mmCIF file of all heavy atoms, coordinates in Angstrom:
data_MODEL
# 
_entry.id   MODEL 
# 
loop_
_atom_site.group_PDB 
_atom_site.id 
_atom_site.type_symbol 
_atom_site.label_atom_id 
_atom_site.label_alt_id 
_atom_site.label_comp_id 
_atom_site.label_asym_id 
_atom_site.label_entity_id 
_atom_site.label_seq_id 
_atom_site.pdbx_PDB_ins_code 
_atom_site.Cartn_x 
_atom_site.Cartn_y 
_atom_site.Cartn_z 
_atom_site.occupancy 
_atom_site.B_iso_or_equiv 
_atom_site.pdbx_formal_charge 
_atom_site.auth_seq_id 
_atom_site.auth_comp_id 
_atom_site.auth_asym_id 
_atom_site.auth_atom_id 
_atom_site.pdbx_PDB_model_num 
ATOM 1   N N   . ALA A 1 1  ? 13.887  -15.832 18.581  1.00 0.00 ? 1  ALA A N   1 
ATOM 2   C CA  . ALA A 1 1  ? 12.564  -16.047 19.166  1.00 0.00 ? 1  ALA A CA  1 
ATOM 3   C C   . ALA A 1 1  ? 11.572  -15.240 18.325  1.00 0.00 ? 1  ALA A C   1 
ATOM 4   O O   . ALA A 1 1  ? 11.368  -14.052 18.571  1.00 0.00 ? 1  ALA A O   1 
ATOM 5   C CB  . ALA A 1 1  ? 12.550  -15.596 20.617  1.00 0.00 ? 1  ALA A CB  1 
ATOM 6   N N   . GLN A 1 2  ? 10.967  -15.880 17.319  1.00 0.00 ? 2  GLN A N   1 
ATOM 7   C CA  . GLN A 1 2  ? 10.198  -15.134 16.327  1.00 0.00 ? 2  GLN A CA  1 
ATOM 8   C C   . GLN A 1 2  ? 8.707   -15.090 16.663  1.00 0.00 ? 2  GLN A C   1 
ATOM 9   O O   . GLN A 1 2  ? 8.107   -16.078 17.085  1.00 0.00 ? 2  GLN A O   1 
ATOM 10  C CB  . GLN A 1 2  ? 10.427  -15.746 14.939  1.00 0.00 ? 2  GLN A CB  1 
ATOM 11  C CG  . GLN A 1 2  ? 11.886  -15.641 14.512  1.00 0.00 ? 2  GLN A CG  1 
ATOM 12  C CD  . GLN A 1 2  ? 12.119  -15.992 13.052  1.00 0.00 ? 2  GLN A CD  1 
ATOM 13  O OE1 . GLN A 1 2  ? 11.183  -16.120 12.259  1.00 0.00 ? 2  GLN A OE1 1 
ATOM 14  N NE2 . GLN A 1 2  ? 13.381  -16.137 12.685  1.00 0.00 ? 2  GLN A NE2 1 
ATOM 15  N N   . LEU A 1 3  ? 8.161   -13.899 16.467  1.00 0.00 ? 3  LEU A N   1 
ATOM 16  C CA  . LEU A 1 3  ? 6.729   -13.636 16.712  1.00 0.00 ? 3  LEU A CA  1 
ATOM 17  C C   . LEU A 1 3  ? 6.182   -12.917 15.493  1.00 0.00 ? 3  LEU A C   1 
ATOM 18  O O   . LEU A 1 3  ? 6.799   -11.976 14.990  1.00 0.00 ? 3  LEU A O   1 
ATOM 19  C CB  . LEU A 1 3  ? 6.569   -12.748 17.955  1.00 0.00 ? 3  LEU A CB  1 
ATOM 20  C CG  . LEU A 1 3  ? 5.191   -12.121 18.187  1.00 0.00 ? 3  LEU A CG  1 
ATOM 21  C CD1 . LEU A 1 3  ? 4.172   -13.196 18.551  1.00 0.00 ? 3  LEU A CD1 1 
ATOM 22  C CD2 . LEU A 1 3  ? 5.265   -11.054 19.282  1.00 0.00 ? 3  LEU A CD2 1 
ATOM 23  N N   . THR A 1 4  ? 5.012   -13.351 14.997  1.00 0.00 ? 4  THR A N   1 
ATOM 24  C CA  . THR A 1 4  ? 4.401   -12.722 13.825  1.00 0.00 ? 4  THR A CA  1 
ATOM 25  C C   . THR A 1 4  ? 3.111   -11.998 14.215  1.00 0.00 ? 4  THR A C   1 
ATOM 26  O O   . THR A 1 4  ? 2.246   -12.562 14.889  1.00 0.00 ? 4  THR A O   1 
ATOM 27  C CB  . THR A 1 4  ? 4.099   -13.757 12.732  1.00 0.00 ? 4  THR A CB  1 
ATOM 28  O OG1 . THR A 1 4  ? 5.306   -14.429 12.389  1.00 0.00 ? 4  THR A OG1 1 
ATOM 29  C CG2 . THR A 1 4  ? 3.545   -13.083 11.487  1.00 0.00 ? 4  THR A CG2 1 
ATOM 30  N N   . LEU A 1 5  ? 3.006   -10.740 13.778  1.00 0.00 ? 5  LEU A N   1 
ATOM 31  C CA  . LEU A 1 5  ? 1.824   -9.904  14.006  1.00 0.00 ? 5  LEU A CA  1 
ATOM 32  C C   . LEU A 1 5  ? 1.119   -9.677  12.676  1.00 0.00 ? 5  LEU A C   1 
ATOM 33  O O   . LEU A 1 5  ? 1.777   -9.457  11.652  1.00 0.00 ? 5  LEU A O   1 
ATOM 34  C CB  . LEU A 1 5  ? 2.251   -8.559  14.611  1.00 0.00 ? 5  LEU A CB  1 
ATOM 35  C CG  . LEU A 1 5  ? 3.121   -8.623  15.869  1.00 0.00 ? 5  LEU A CG  1 
ATOM 36  C CD1 . LEU A 1 5  ? 3.645   -7.238  16.226  1.00 0.00 ? 5  LEU A CD1 1 
ATOM 37  C CD2 . LEU A 1 5  ? 2.333   -9.218  17.032  1.00 0.00 ? 5  LEU A CD2 1 
ATOM 38  N N   . HIS A 1 6  ? -0.205  -9.732  12.673  1.00 0.00 ? 6  HIS A N   1 
ATOM 39  C CA  . HIS A 1 6  ? -0.986  -9.592  11.445  1.00 0.00 ? 6  HIS A CA  1 
ATOM 40  C C   . HIS A 1 6  ? -1.943  -8.395  11.554  1.00 0.00 ? 6  HIS A C   1 
ATOM 41  O O   . HIS A 1 6  ? -2.460  -8.094  12.627  1.00 0.00 ? 6  HIS A O   1 
ATOM 42  C CB  . HIS A 1 6  ? -1.823  -10.855 11.176  1.00 0.00 ? 6  HIS A CB  1 
ATOM 43  C CG  . HIS A 1 6  ? -1.025  -12.107 11.077  1.00 0.00 ? 6  HIS A CG  1 
ATOM 44  N ND1 . HIS A 1 6  ? -0.260  -12.437 9.978   1.00 0.00 ? 6  HIS A ND1 1 
ATOM 45  C CD2 . HIS A 1 6  ? -0.861  -13.130 11.959  1.00 0.00 ? 6  HIS A CD2 1 
ATOM 46  C CE1 . HIS A 1 6  ? 0.335   -13.599 10.168  1.00 0.00 ? 6  HIS A CE1 1 
ATOM 47  N NE2 . HIS A 1 6  ? -0.025  -14.040 11.366  1.00 0.00 ? 6  HIS A NE2 1 
ATOM 48  N N   . THR A 1 7  ? -2.168  -7.752  10.413  1.00 0.00 ? 7  THR A N   1 
ATOM 49  C CA  . THR A 1 7  ? -3.163  -6.689  10.356  1.00 0.00 ? 7  THR A CA  1 
ATOM 50  C C   . THR A 1 7  ? -3.656  -6.552  8.923   1.00 0.00 ? 7  THR A C   1 
ATOM 51  O O   . THR A 1 7  ? -3.098  -7.162  8.002   1.00 0.00 ? 7  THR A O   1 
ATOM 52  C CB  . THR A 1 7  ? -2.590  -5.339  10.859  1.00 0.00 ? 7  THR A CB  1 
ATOM 53  O OG1 . THR A 1 7  ? -3.665  -4.416  11.037  1.00 0.00 ? 7  THR A OG1 1 
ATOM 54  C CG2 . THR A 1 7  ? -1.590  -4.758  9.870   1.00 0.00 ? 7  THR A CG2 1 
ATOM 55  N N   . GLU A 1 8  ? -4.717  -5.751  8.746   1.00 0.00 ? 8  GLU A N   1 
ATOM 56  C CA  . GLU A 1 8  ? -5.217  -5.427  7.409   1.00 0.00 ? 8  GLU A CA  1 
ATOM 57  C C   . GLU A 1 8  ? -5.247  -3.916  7.230   1.00 0.00 ? 8  GLU A C   1 
ATOM 58  O O   . GLU A 1 8  ? -5.496  -3.169  8.180   1.00 0.00 ? 8  GLU A O   1 
ATOM 59  C CB  . GLU A 1 8  ? -6.618  -6.019  7.181   1.00 0.00 ? 8  GLU A CB  1 
ATOM 60  C CG  . GLU A 1 8  ? -6.604  -7.509  6.927   1.00 0.00 ? 8  GLU A CG  1 
ATOM 61  C CD  . GLU A 1 8  ? -7.948  -8.022  6.426   1.00 0.00 ? 8  GLU A CD  1 
ATOM 62  O OE1 . GLU A 1 8  ? -8.982  -7.393  6.746   1.00 0.00 ? 8  GLU A OE1 1 
ATOM 63  O OE2 . GLU A 1 8  ? -7.956  -9.039  5.717   1.00 0.00 ? 8  GLU A OE2 1 
ATOM 64  N N   . VAL A 1 9  ? -5.003  -3.491  6.003   1.00 0.00 ? 9  VAL A N   1 
ATOM 65  C CA  . VAL A 1 9  ? -4.858  -2.078  5.695   1.00 0.00 ? 9  VAL A CA  1 
ATOM 66  C C   . VAL A 1 9  ? -5.737  -1.740  4.496   1.00 0.00 ? 9  VAL A C   1 
ATOM 67  O O   . VAL A 1 9  ? -5.845  -2.540  3.557   1.00 0.00 ? 9  VAL A O   1 
ATOM 68  C CB  . VAL A 1 9  ? -3.388  -1.765  5.344   1.00 0.00 ? 9  VAL A CB  1 
ATOM 69  C CG1 . VAL A 1 9  ? -3.187  -0.289  5.099   1.00 0.00 ? 9  VAL A CG1 1 
ATOM 70  C CG2 . VAL A 1 9  ? -2.462  -2.264  6.427   1.00 0.00 ? 9  VAL A CG2 1 
ATOM 71  N N   . SER A 1 10 ? -6.323  -0.561  4.511   1.00 0.00 ? 10 SER A N   1 
ATOM 72  C CA  . SER A 1 10 ? -7.012  -0.085  3.313   1.00 0.00 ? 10 SER A CA  1 
ATOM 73  C C   . SER A 1 10 ? -5.960  0.348   2.295   1.00 0.00 ? 10 SER A C   1 
ATOM 74  O O   . SER A 1 10 ? -5.087  1.174   2.586   1.00 0.00 ? 10 SER A O   1 
ATOM 75  C CB  . SER A 1 10 ? -7.917  1.095   3.647   1.00 0.00 ? 10 SER A CB  1 
ATOM 76  O OG  . SER A 1 10 ? -8.408  1.687   2.447   1.00 0.00 ? 10 SER A OG  1 
ATOM 77  N N   . ALA A 1 11 ? -6.033  -0.223  1.094   1.00 0.00 ? 11 ALA A N   1 
ATOM 78  C CA  . ALA A 1 11 ? -5.052  0.088   0.050   1.00 0.00 ? 11 ALA A CA  1 
ATOM 79  C C   . ALA A 1 11 ? -5.555  1.165   -0.910  1.00 0.00 ? 11 ALA A C   1 
ATOM 80  O O   . ALA A 1 11 ? -4.898  1.441   -1.919  1.00 0.00 ? 11 ALA A O   1 
ATOM 81  C CB  . ALA A 1 11 ? -4.713  -1.188  -0.724  1.00 0.00 ? 11 ALA A CB  1 
ATOM 82  N N   . LYS A 1 12 ? -6.684  1.775   -0.608  1.00 0.00 ? 12 LYS A N   1 
ATOM 83  C CA  . LYS A 1 12 ? -7.297  2.737   -1.536  1.00 0.00 ? 12 LYS A CA  1 
ATOM 84  C C   . LYS A 1 12 ? -6.352  3.879   -1.894  1.00 0.00 ? 12 LYS A C   1 
ATOM 85  O O   . LYS A 1 12 ? -6.145  4.192   -3.078  1.00 0.00 ? 12 LYS A O   1 
ATOM 86  C CB  . LYS A 1 12 ? -8.588  3.289   -0.927  1.00 0.00 ? 12 LYS A CB  1 
ATOM 87  C CG  . LYS A 1 12 ? -9.296  4.313   -1.811  1.00 0.00 ? 12 LYS A CG  1 
ATOM 88  C CD  . LYS A 1 12 ? -10.565 4.828   -1.140  1.00 0.00 ? 12 LYS A CD  1 
ATOM 89  C CE  . LYS A 1 12 ? -11.244 5.894   -1.998  1.00 0.00 ? 12 LYS A CE  1 
ATOM 90  N NZ  . LYS A 1 12 ? -12.471 6.434   -1.339  1.00 0.00 ? 12 LYS A NZ  1 
ATOM 91  N N   . GLU A 1 13 ? -5.765  4.522   -0.889  1.00 0.00 ? 13 GLU A N   1 
ATOM 92  C CA  . GLU A 1 13 ? -4.905  5.675   -1.156  1.00 0.00 ? 13 GLU A CA  1 
ATOM 93  C C   . GLU A 1 13 ? -3.586  5.251   -1.822  1.00 0.00 ? 13 GLU A C   1 
ATOM 94  O O   . GLU A 1 13 ? -3.029  6.000   -2.622  1.00 0.00 ? 13 GLU A O   1 
ATOM 95  C CB  . GLU A 1 13 ? -4.628  6.431   0.149   1.00 0.00 ? 13 GLU A CB  1 
ATOM 96  C CG  . GLU A 1 13 ? -5.862  7.076   0.764   1.00 0.00 ? 13 GLU A CG  1 
ATOM 97  C CD  . GLU A 1 13 ? -6.524  8.056   -0.206  1.00 0.00 ? 13 GLU A CD  1 
ATOM 98  O OE1 . GLU A 1 13 ? -5.798  8.767   -0.940  1.00 0.00 ? 13 GLU A OE1 1 
ATOM 99  O OE2 . GLU A 1 13 ? -7.768  8.107   -0.229  1.00 0.00 ? 13 GLU A OE2 1 
ATOM 100 N N   . MET A 1 14 ? -3.093  4.066   -1.491  1.00 0.00 ? 14 MET A N   1 
ATOM 101 C CA  . MET A 1 14 ? -1.878  3.586   -2.138  1.00 0.00 ? 14 MET A CA  1 
ATOM 102 C C   . MET A 1 14 ? -2.125  3.324   -3.620  1.00 0.00 ? 14 MET A C   1 
ATOM 103 O O   . MET A 1 14 ? -1.270  3.619   -4.470  1.00 0.00 ? 14 MET A O   1 
ATOM 104 C CB  . MET A 1 14 ? -1.366  2.311   -1.456  1.00 0.00 ? 14 MET A CB  1 
ATOM 105 C CG  . MET A 1 14 ? -0.062  1.795   -2.052  1.00 0.00 ? 14 MET A CG  1 
ATOM 106 S SD  . MET A 1 14 ? 0.652   0.401   -1.137  1.00 0.00 ? 14 MET A SD  1 
ATOM 107 C CE  . MET A 1 14 ? -0.537  -0.892  -1.526  1.00 0.00 ? 14 MET A CE  1 
ATOM 108 N N   . ILE A 1 15 ? -3.283  2.800   -3.945  1.00 0.00 ? 15 ILE A N   1 
ATOM 109 C CA  . ILE A 1 15 ? -3.642  2.564   -5.345  1.00 0.00 ? 15 ILE A CA  1 
ATOM 110 C C   . ILE A 1 15 ? -3.714  3.891   -6.098  1.00 0.00 ? 15 ILE A C   1 
ATOM 111 O O   . ILE A 1 15 ? -3.225  4.020   -7.229  1.00 0.00 ? 15 ILE A O   1 
ATOM 112 C CB  . ILE A 1 15 ? -4.980  1.797   -5.431  1.00 0.00 ? 15 ILE A CB  1 
ATOM 113 C CG1 . ILE A 1 15 ? -4.821  0.380   -4.865  1.00 0.00 ? 15 ILE A CG1 1 
ATOM 114 C CG2 . ILE A 1 15 ? -5.482  1.747   -6.876  1.00 0.00 ? 15 ILE A CG2 1 
ATOM 115 C CD1 . ILE A 1 15 ? -6.124  -0.377  -4.716  1.00 0.00 ? 15 ILE A CD1 1 
ATOM 116 N N   . GLU A 1 16 ? -4.325  4.899   -5.458  1.00 0.00 ? 16 GLU A N   1 
ATOM 117 C CA  . GLU A 1 16 ? -4.420  6.217   -6.092  1.00 0.00 ? 16 GLU A CA  1 
ATOM 118 C C   . GLU A 1 16 ? -3.044  6.844   -6.286  1.00 0.00 ? 16 GLU A C   1 
ATOM 119 O O   . GLU A 1 16 ? -2.761  7.462   -7.320  1.00 0.00 ? 16 GLU A O   1 
ATOM 120 C CB  . GLU A 1 16 ? -5.299  7.132   -5.240  1.00 0.00 ? 16 GLU A CB  1 
ATOM 121 C CG  . GLU A 1 16 ? -6.773  6.762   -5.254  1.00 0.00 ? 16 GLU A CG  1 
ATOM 122 C CD  . GLU A 1 16 ? -7.358  6.785   -6.663  1.00 0.00 ? 16 GLU A CD  1 
ATOM 123 O OE1 . GLU A 1 16 ? -7.069  7.751   -7.420  1.00 0.00 ? 16 GLU A OE1 1 
ATOM 124 O OE2 . GLU A 1 16 ? -8.081  5.831   -7.013  1.00 0.00 ? 16 GLU A OE2 1 
ATOM 125 N N   . LEU A 1 17 ? -2.176  6.694   -5.279  1.00 0.00 ? 17 LEU A N   1 
ATOM 126 C CA  . LEU A 1 17 ? -0.812  7.223   -5.397  1.00 0.00 ? 17 LEU A CA  1 
ATOM 127 C C   . LEU A 1 17 ? -0.085  6.567   -6.565  1.00 0.00 ? 17 LEU A C   1 
ATOM 128 O O   . LEU A 1 17 ? 0.591   7.250   -7.355  1.00 0.00 ? 17 LEU A O   1 
ATOM 129 C CB  . LEU A 1 17 ? -0.052  6.969   -4.090  1.00 0.00 ? 17 LEU A CB  1 
ATOM 130 C CG  . LEU A 1 17 ? 1.449   7.297   -4.115  1.00 0.00 ? 17 LEU A CG  1 
ATOM 131 C CD1 . LEU A 1 17 ? 1.665   8.787   -4.347  1.00 0.00 ? 17 LEU A CD1 1 
ATOM 132 C CD2 . LEU A 1 17 ? 2.117   6.836   -2.820  1.00 0.00 ? 17 LEU A CD2 1 
ATOM 133 N N   . ARG A 1 18 ? -0.231  5.272   -6.698  1.00 0.00 ? 18 ARG A N   1 
ATOM 134 C CA  . ARG A 1 18 ? 0.436   4.564   -7.794  1.00 0.00 ? 18 ARG A CA  1 
ATOM 135 C C   . ARG A 1 18 ? -0.072  5.039   -9.149  1.00 0.00 ? 18 ARG A C   1 
ATOM 136 O O   . ARG A 1 18 ? 0.719   5.233   -10.090 1.00 0.00 ? 18 ARG A O   1 
ATOM 137 C CB  . ARG A 1 18 ? 0.223   3.051   -7.642  1.00 0.00 ? 18 ARG A CB  1 
ATOM 138 C CG  . ARG A 1 18 ? 0.899   2.196   -8.699  1.00 0.00 ? 18 ARG A CG  1 
ATOM 139 C CD  . ARG A 1 18 ? 0.817   0.732   -8.324  1.00 0.00 ? 18 ARG A CD  1 
ATOM 140 N NE  . ARG A 1 18 ? 1.432   -0.106  -9.332  1.00 0.00 ? 18 ARG A NE  1 
ATOM 141 C CZ  . ARG A 1 18 ? 0.779   -0.765  -10.278 1.00 0.00 ? 18 ARG A CZ  1 
ATOM 142 N NH1 . ARG A 1 18 ? -0.552  -0.661  -10.363 1.00 0.00 ? 18 ARG A NH1 1 
ATOM 143 N NH2 . ARG A 1 18 ? 1.416   -1.520  -11.159 1.00 0.00 ? 18 ARG A NH2 1 
ATOM 144 N N   . LYS A 1 19 ? -1.383  5.262   -9.263  1.00 0.00 ? 19 LYS A N   1 
ATOM 145 C CA  . LYS A 1 19 ? -1.954  5.747   -10.524 1.00 0.00 ? 19 LYS A CA  1 
ATOM 146 C C   . LYS A 1 19 ? -1.371  7.113   -10.894 1.00 0.00 ? 19 LYS A C   1 
ATOM 147 O O   . LYS A 1 19 ? -1.011  7.365   -12.046 1.00 0.00 ? 19 LYS A O   1 
ATOM 148 C CB  . LYS A 1 19 ? -3.482  5.837   -10.418 1.00 0.00 ? 19 LYS A CB  1 
ATOM 149 C CG  . LYS A 1 19 ? -4.195  4.500   -10.419 1.00 0.00 ? 19 LYS A CG  1 
ATOM 150 C CD  . LYS A 1 19 ? -5.707  4.686   -10.301 1.00 0.00 ? 19 LYS A CD  1 
ATOM 151 C CE  . LYS A 1 19 ? -6.445  3.353   -10.307 1.00 0.00 ? 19 LYS A CE  1 
ATOM 152 N NZ  . LYS A 1 19 ? -7.920  3.544   -10.141 1.00 0.00 ? 19 LYS A NZ  1 
ATOM 153 N N   . LYS A 1 20 ? -1.260  8.010   -9.898  1.00 0.00 ? 20 LYS A N   1 
ATOM 154 C CA  . LYS A 1 20 ? -0.744  9.356   -10.161 1.00 0.00 ? 20 LYS A CA  1 
ATOM 155 C C   . LYS A 1 20 ? 0.736   9.320   -10.552 1.00 0.00 ? 20 LYS A C   1 
ATOM 156 O O   . LYS A 1 20 ? 1.174   10.008  -11.478 1.00 0.00 ? 20 LYS A O   1 
ATOM 157 C CB  . LYS A 1 20 ? -0.936  10.236  -8.924  1.00 0.00 ? 20 LYS A CB  1 
ATOM 158 C CG  . LYS A 1 20 ? -2.405  10.553  -8.632  1.00 0.00 ? 20 LYS A CG  1 
ATOM 159 C CD  . LYS A 1 20 ? -2.555  11.325  -7.330  1.00 0.00 ? 20 LYS A CD  1 
ATOM 160 C CE  . LYS A 1 20 ? -4.023  11.602  -7.031  1.00 0.00 ? 20 LYS A CE  1 
ATOM 161 N NZ  . LYS A 1 20 ? -4.199  12.298  -5.737  1.00 0.00 ? 20 LYS A NZ  1 
ATOM 162 N N   . LEU A 1 21 ? 1.509   8.497   -9.863  1.00 0.00 ? 21 LEU A N   1 
ATOM 163 C CA  . LEU A 1 21 ? 2.935   8.388   -10.174 1.00 0.00 ? 21 LEU A CA  1 
ATOM 164 C C   . LEU A 1 21 ? 3.156   7.780   -11.557 1.00 0.00 ? 21 LEU A C   1 
ATOM 165 O O   . LEU A 1 21 ? 4.042   8.208   -12.308 1.00 0.00 ? 21 LEU A O   1 
ATOM 166 C CB  . LEU A 1 21 ? 3.646   7.552   -9.109  1.00 0.00 ? 21 LEU A CB  1 
ATOM 167 C CG  . LEU A 1 21 ? 3.775   8.196   -7.723  1.00 0.00 ? 21 LEU A CG  1 
ATOM 168 C CD1 . LEU A 1 21 ? 4.366   7.202   -6.731  1.00 0.00 ? 21 LEU A CD1 1 
ATOM 169 C CD2 . LEU A 1 21 ? 4.638   9.452   -7.780  1.00 0.00 ? 21 LEU A CD2 1 
ATOM 170 N N   . ASN A 1 22 ? 2.346   6.809   -11.917 1.00 0.00 ? 22 ASN A N   1 
ATOM 171 C CA  . ASN A 1 22 ? 2.466   6.199   -13.238 1.00 0.00 ? 22 ASN A CA  1 
ATOM 172 C C   . ASN A 1 22 ? 2.063   7.174   -14.343 1.00 0.00 ? 22 ASN A C   1 
ATOM 173 O O   . ASN A 1 22 ? 2.634   7.164   -15.436 1.00 0.00 ? 22 ASN A O   1 
ATOM 174 C CB  . ASN A 1 22 ? 1.623   4.924   -13.323 1.00 0.00 ? 22 ASN A CB  1 
ATOM 175 C CG  . ASN A 1 22 ? 2.292   3.740   -12.650 1.00 0.00 ? 22 ASN A CG  1 
ATOM 176 O OD1 . ASN A 1 22 ? 3.520   3.702   -12.527 1.00 0.00 ? 22 ASN A OD1 1 
ATOM 177 N ND2 . ASN A 1 22 ? 1.500   2.774   -12.210 1.00 0.00 ? 22 ASN A ND2 1 
ATOM 178 N N   . ALA A 1 23 ? 1.078   8.027   -14.041 1.00 0.00 ? 23 ALA A N   1 
ATOM 179 C CA  . ALA A 1 23 ? 0.681   9.046   -15.019 1.00 0.00 ? 23 ALA A CA  1 
ATOM 180 C C   . ALA A 1 23 ? 1.811   10.032  -15.249 1.00 0.00 ? 23 ALA A C   1 
ATOM 181 O O   . ALA A 1 23 ? 2.076   10.460  -16.381 1.00 0.00 ? 23 ALA A O   1 
ATOM 182 C CB  . ALA A 1 23 ? -0.587  9.763   -14.548 1.00 0.00 ? 23 ALA A CB  1 
ATOM 183 N N   . LEU A 1 24 ? 2.491   10.399  -14.179 1.00 0.00 ? 24 LEU A N   1 
ATOM 184 C CA  . LEU A 1 24 ? 3.628   11.313  -14.299 1.00 0.00 ? 24 LEU A CA  1 
ATOM 185 C C   . LEU A 1 24 ? 4.816   10.659  -14.995 1.00 0.00 ? 24 LEU A C   1 
ATOM 186 O O   . LEU A 1 24 ? 5.602   11.326  -15.661 1.00 0.00 ? 24 LEU A O   1 
ATOM 187 C CB  . LEU A 1 24 ? 4.054   11.802  -12.902 1.00 0.00 ? 24 LEU A CB  1 
ATOM 188 C CG  . LEU A 1 24 ? 3.067   12.719  -12.180 1.00 0.00 ? 24 LEU A CG  1 
ATOM 189 C CD1 . LEU A 1 24 ? 3.542   12.968  -10.755 1.00 0.00 ? 24 LEU A CD1 1 
ATOM 190 C CD2 . LEU A 1 24 ? 2.917   14.040  -12.931 1.00 0.00 ? 24 LEU A CD2 1 
ATOM 191 N N   . ALA A 1 25 ? 4.941   9.334   -14.839 1.00 0.00 ? 25 ALA A N   1 
ATOM 192 C CA  . ALA A 1 25 ? 6.079   8.610   -15.430 1.00 0.00 ? 25 ALA A CA  1 
ATOM 193 C C   . ALA A 1 25 ? 5.982   8.545   -16.943 1.00 0.00 ? 25 ALA A C   1 
ATOM 194 O O   . ALA A 1 25 ? 6.997   8.405   -17.627 1.00 0.00 ? 25 ALA A O   1 
ATOM 195 C CB  . ALA A 1 25 ? 6.161   7.203   -14.843 1.00 0.00 ? 25 ALA A CB  1 
# 
């Protein structure tokens, strides 16, 4: 019995985290 829930999220901090991790990589 499947139910789908939707939302939106600010990706600003995730983008910044990815930039920092890539810089360290």
